[in-house]
């Protein structure tokens, strides 16, 4: 049951990430420099991930560190599988192009977003679930 709930929560995150990407391309990049647009977009996505984790902490029954880390690990794996699968099979990117997102080039803070994805359930437990 935890896996299904965790995947459902991750799907919410996926939708928010896609909307964030659309916002970045349609609004941020035309009005801001590329580095600033990428930092703002990354921070916004990290905040969305944390908000989803906090909002769904009780539903996910995030009551132990182990459970939180399991959910975070699943979210991280799903994110990486989606990121590389979509990039390679749908967008036709090379592995080198996709790995460039992990270099902080041009203000891209994607590696920090990935770290937030992993630790968001743990942070949510600390904030939301009473001890």
Protein backbone atom coordinates (compact mmCIF):
# COMPACT_ATOMS: atom_id res chain seq x y z
CA UNK A 1 0.00 0.00 0.00
CA UNK A 2 2.88 2.39 0.79
CA UNK A 3 4.33 1.90 -2.69
CA UNK A 4 1.03 2.74 -4.40
CA UNK A 5 0.48 5.82 -2.27
CA UNK A 6 4.07 6.90 -2.84
CA UNK A 7 3.72 6.53 -6.60
CA UNK A 8 0.45 8.48 -6.52
CA UNK A 9 2.15 11.28 -4.59
CA UNK A 10 5.05 11.23 -7.04
CA UNK A 11 2.60 11.56 -9.94
CA UNK A 12 1.37 14.80 -8.34
CA UNK A 13 4.99 15.94 -8.18
CA UNK A 14 5.47 14.96 -11.83
CA UNK A 15 2.51 17.09 -12.92
CA UNK A 16 3.83 20.04 -10.90
CA UNK A 17 7.30 19.54 -12.41
CA UNK A 18 5.84 19.62 -15.92
CA UNK A 19 3.88 22.77 -15.12
CA UNK A 20 7.06 24.25 -13.66
CA UNK A 21 8.90 23.48 -16.90
CA UNK A 22 6.17 25.15 -18.93
CA UNK A 23 6.33 28.20 -16.66
CA UNK A 24 10.11 28.34 -17.03
CA UNK A 25 9.97 28.15 -20.83
CA UNK A 26 6.96 30.45 -21.36
CA UNK A 27 7.48 33.10 -18.67
CA UNK A 28 10.81 32.95 -16.88
CA UNK A 29 13.25 32.49 -19.77
CA UNK A 30 11.73 35.26 -21.93
CA UNK A 31 11.90 37.76 -19.03
CA UNK A 32 14.98 36.72 -17.04
CA UNK A 33 18.51 35.68 -17.84
CA UNK A 34 18.98 31.94 -18.28
CA UNK A 35 20.85 31.43 -14.97
CA UNK A 36 18.24 33.40 -12.98
CA UNK A 37 15.35 31.61 -14.71
CA UNK A 38 16.86 28.21 -13.91
CA UNK A 39 17.50 29.09 -10.27
CA UNK A 40 13.95 30.45 -9.82
CA UNK A 41 12.48 27.40 -11.56
CA UNK A 42 14.58 25.00 -9.47
CA UNK A 43 13.66 26.70 -6.22
CA UNK A 44 9.99 26.73 -7.19
CA UNK A 45 10.05 23.02 -8.02
CA UNK A 46 11.86 22.18 -4.77
CA UNK A 47 9.21 24.15 -2.87
CA UNK A 48 6.42 22.30 -4.71
CA UNK A 49 7.98 18.94 -3.82
CA UNK A 50 8.22 19.93 -0.17
CA UNK A 51 4.62 21.17 -0.17
CA UNK A 52 3.35 17.89 -1.66
CA UNK A 53 5.32 15.92 0.94
CA UNK A 54 3.95 18.02 3.81
CA UNK A 55 0.39 17.94 2.46
CA UNK A 56 0.45 14.15 2.06
CA UNK A 57 2.57 13.21 5.09
CA UNK A 58 -0.32 11.79 7.10
CA UNK A 59 -1.82 10.03 4.07
CA UNK A 60 1.57 8.43 3.39
CA UNK A 61 1.84 7.59 7.11
CA UNK A 62 5.29 9.10 7.39
CA UNK A 63 5.91 8.12 11.01
CA UNK A 64 9.44 6.74 10.95
CA UNK A 65 12.74 7.80 9.48
CA UNK A 66 13.01 4.46 7.67
CA UNK A 67 9.61 4.87 6.03
CA UNK A 68 10.45 8.43 4.97
CA UNK A 69 13.73 7.34 3.44
CA UNK A 70 11.99 4.52 1.58
CA UNK A 71 9.45 6.94 0.12
CA UNK A 72 12.22 9.42 -0.72
CA UNK A 73 14.28 6.70 -2.40
CA UNK A 74 11.28 5.62 -4.46
CA UNK A 75 10.57 9.23 -5.48
CA UNK A 76 14.23 9.67 -6.40
CA UNK A 77 14.30 6.47 -8.49
CA UNK A 78 11.04 7.34 -10.26
CA UNK A 79 12.38 10.82 -10.99
CA UNK A 80 15.64 9.55 -12.45
CA UNK A 81 13.95 6.82 -14.50
CA UNK A 82 11.49 9.36 -15.88
CA UNK A 83 14.15 12.01 -16.48
CA UNK A 84 16.53 9.74 -18.37
CA UNK A 85 13.82 7.65 -20.06
CA UNK A 86 11.88 10.64 -21.33
CA UNK A 87 15.05 12.48 -22.29
CA UNK A 88 16.49 9.55 -24.21
CA UNK A 89 13.46 7.86 -25.76
CA UNK A 90 11.10 10.82 -26.29
CA UNK A 91 13.34 13.85 -26.68
CA UNK A 92 16.25 12.00 -28.29
CA UNK A 93 18.89 13.51 -26.01
CA UNK A 94 22.28 11.86 -25.65
CA UNK A 95 23.48 10.67 -22.26
CA UNK A 96 26.03 13.49 -22.24
CA UNK A 97 23.29 16.07 -22.82
CA UNK A 98 21.18 14.66 -20.02
CA UNK A 99 24.09 14.43 -17.58
CA UNK A 100 24.88 18.10 -18.22
CA UNK A 101 21.84 18.94 -16.07
CA UNK A 102 23.86 17.65 -13.10
CA UNK A 103 26.72 20.15 -13.53
CA UNK A 104 25.10 23.37 -12.23
CA UNK A 105 25.78 24.92 -15.66
CA UNK A 106 23.91 28.17 -16.44
CA UNK A 107 22.30 28.30 -13.02
CA UNK A 108 20.74 24.86 -13.27
CA UNK A 109 20.19 23.65 -9.71
CA UNK A 110 18.63 20.33 -10.72
CA UNK A 111 21.02 18.32 -8.50
CA UNK A 112 19.67 20.19 -5.47
CA UNK A 113 16.10 19.47 -6.57
CA UNK A 114 16.99 15.77 -6.72
CA UNK A 115 18.36 15.94 -3.16
CA UNK A 116 15.18 17.72 -2.00
CA UNK A 117 13.13 14.98 -3.68
CA UNK A 118 14.89 12.34 -1.59
CA UNK A 119 14.69 14.19 1.74
CA UNK A 120 11.23 15.80 1.33
CA UNK A 121 9.33 12.97 3.06
CA UNK A 122 11.70 13.12 6.04
CA UNK A 123 11.34 16.90 6.24
CA UNK A 124 7.56 16.53 5.99
CA UNK A 125 7.47 14.04 8.85
CA UNK A 126 9.43 16.45 11.04
CA UNK A 127 7.07 19.33 10.19
CA UNK A 128 3.69 17.66 9.90
CA UNK A 129 3.39 14.45 11.86
CA UNK A 130 3.13 14.82 15.64
CA UNK A 131 5.55 12.77 17.72
